[in-house]
Amino acid sequence: MYPGYRKYLIYLFASLAFSIGIQILFQYLGFPPFTGLAVALAVFILLPIWIRRSQMSKMRGYGGESSGGGFFGFNSEGGGGVKYVCLTCNHKFKGATCPRCGSKMKRADF
């Protein structure tokens, strides 16, 4: 069991207890019965989404504001796009042809 899983389960059961508490409170205060259920379902659904989003932002793999992380660690250099390496002179470049030797033989460099 990885360490984040235990924390996730704690938050999940805490949100379930909070949801039940909200239902009891709303019923005690005299609100319609489905109001408490709607709020409880919203908390039970939105809290794990919020937790997942915060965990992903800590890993820098979620959203557009981060430069590292991402899918398999792409975009870790900060620059977008694909860079190529010339097979003739081993020069790194962007574009169709090598600016140093003019060769079109290239391989992608991630």
Protein backbone atom coordinates (compact mmCIF):
# COMPACT_ATOMS: atom_id res chain seq x y z
CA MET A 1 0.00 0.00 0.00
CA TYR A 2 1.58 3.29 -1.06
CA PRO A 3 1.54 6.18 1.45
CA GLY A 4 -0.89 8.37 -0.47
CA TYR A 5 -3.53 5.64 -0.54
CA ARG A 6 -3.98 5.66 3.24
CA LYS A 7 -4.36 9.45 3.25
CA TYR A 8 -6.85 9.22 0.38
CA LEU A 9 -8.94 6.65 2.29
CA ILE A 10 -8.91 8.86 5.40
CA TYR A 11 -10.20 11.81 3.37
CA LEU A 12 -12.77 9.60 1.69
CA PHE A 13 -14.23 8.30 4.95
CA ALA A 14 -14.02 11.77 6.53
CA SER A 15 -16.04 13.16 3.63
CA LEU A 16 -18.56 10.35 4.07
CA ALA A 17 -18.92 11.16 7.79
CA PHE A 18 -19.17 14.88 6.97
CA SER A 19 -21.86 14.13 4.38
CA ILE A 20 -23.92 12.14 6.85
CA GLY A 21 -23.50 14.91 9.41
CA ILE A 22 -24.70 17.51 6.88
CA GLN A 23 -27.77 15.39 6.12
CA ILE A 24 -28.65 15.11 9.81
CA LEU A 25 -28.05 18.84 10.35
CA PHE A 26 -30.18 19.86 7.37
CA GLN A 27 -32.97 17.55 8.52
CA TYR A 28 -32.79 18.97 12.05
CA LEU A 29 -32.94 22.57 10.76
CA GLY A 30 -36.07 21.81 8.73
CA PHE A 31 -34.74 21.96 5.16
CA PRO A 32 -36.37 19.74 2.54
CA PRO A 33 -34.96 16.19 2.69
CA PHE A 34 -33.32 16.25 -0.73
CA THR A 35 -31.39 19.45 0.02
CA GLY A 36 -29.20 17.68 2.55
CA LEU A 37 -28.76 14.75 0.19
CA ALA A 38 -27.72 17.05 -2.66
CA VAL A 39 -25.15 18.86 -0.51
CA ALA A 40 -23.85 15.55 0.88
CA LEU A 41 -23.44 14.07 -2.62
CA ALA A 42 -21.70 17.22 -3.80
CA VAL A 43 -19.22 17.02 -0.91
CA PHE A 44 -18.71 13.29 -1.40
CA ILE A 45 -17.99 13.76 -5.12
CA LEU A 46 -16.10 17.06 -5.13
CA LEU A 47 -13.74 16.39 -2.20
CA PRO A 48 -11.88 13.47 -3.89
CA ILE A 49 -11.64 15.51 -7.10
CA TRP A 50 -10.13 18.41 -5.16
CA ILE A 51 -7.69 16.05 -3.41
CA ARG A 52 -6.62 14.51 -6.71
CA ARG A 53 -6.13 17.95 -8.27
CA SER A 54 -4.00 19.13 -5.36
CA GLN A 55 -1.87 15.98 -5.48
CA MET A 56 -1.36 16.33 -9.23
CA SER A 57 -0.36 19.96 -8.88
CA LYS A 58 2.22 18.92 -6.28
CA MET A 59 3.65 16.52 -8.86
CA ARG A 60 3.56 19.33 -11.47
CA GLY A 61 1.65 17.18 -13.93
CA TYR A 62 -1.68 18.93 -13.93
CA GLY A 63 -2.72 22.19 -15.56
CA GLY A 64 -0.89 24.59 -17.80
CA GLU A 65 1.02 26.58 -15.16
CA SER A 66 3.68 23.93 -14.62
CA SER A 67 6.72 23.43 -16.80
CA GLY A 68 7.86 19.99 -15.66
CA GLY A 69 6.21 16.64 -15.22
CA GLY A 70 3.47 15.99 -17.70
CA PHE A 71 3.05 12.86 -19.73
CA PHE A 72 6.13 10.67 -19.12
CA GLY A 73 8.11 13.75 -18.10
CA PHE A 74 7.84 15.54 -21.44
CA ASN A 75 8.28 19.30 -21.52
CA SER A 76 10.75 19.09 -18.66
CA GLU A 77 13.09 21.55 -20.43
CA GLY A 78 10.45 24.27 -20.44
CA GLY A 79 10.44 24.71 -24.23
CA GLY A 80 7.55 23.33 -26.20
CA GLY A 81 7.72 21.29 -29.37
CA VAL A 82 9.91 18.47 -30.57
CA LYS A 83 13.65 18.84 -30.96
CA TYR A 84 15.57 16.83 -33.51
CA VAL A 85 19.12 15.51 -33.72
CA CYS A 86 20.85 15.48 -37.09
CA LEU A 87 22.08 12.00 -38.01
CA THR A 88 24.93 13.44 -40.06
CA CYS A 89 26.54 15.99 -37.72
CA ASN A 90 24.76 15.23 -34.39
CA HIS A 91 23.48 18.82 -34.03
CA LYS A 92 20.28 19.49 -32.01
CA PHE A 93 17.74 21.71 -33.78
CA LYS A 94 14.07 22.42 -34.43
CA GLY A 95 12.64 22.34 -37.91
CA ALA A 96 12.82 20.33 -41.10
CA THR A 97 16.49 20.61 -42.05
CA CYS A 98 19.69 20.89 -40.04
CA PRO A 99 20.90 24.50 -39.98
CA ARG A 100 24.55 23.39 -39.73
CA CYS A 101 24.85 20.89 -42.61
CA GLY A 102 21.47 21.10 -44.41
CA SER A 103 20.69 17.39 -44.02
CA LYS A 104 17.12 16.18 -43.71
CA MET A 105 18.12 12.96 -41.93
CA LYS A 106 17.06 13.38 -38.32
CA ARG A 107 15.69 11.62 -35.24
CA ALA A 108 13.39 12.98 -32.56
CA ASP A 109 15.00 13.90 -29.26
CA PHE A 110 12.76 13.96 -26.19
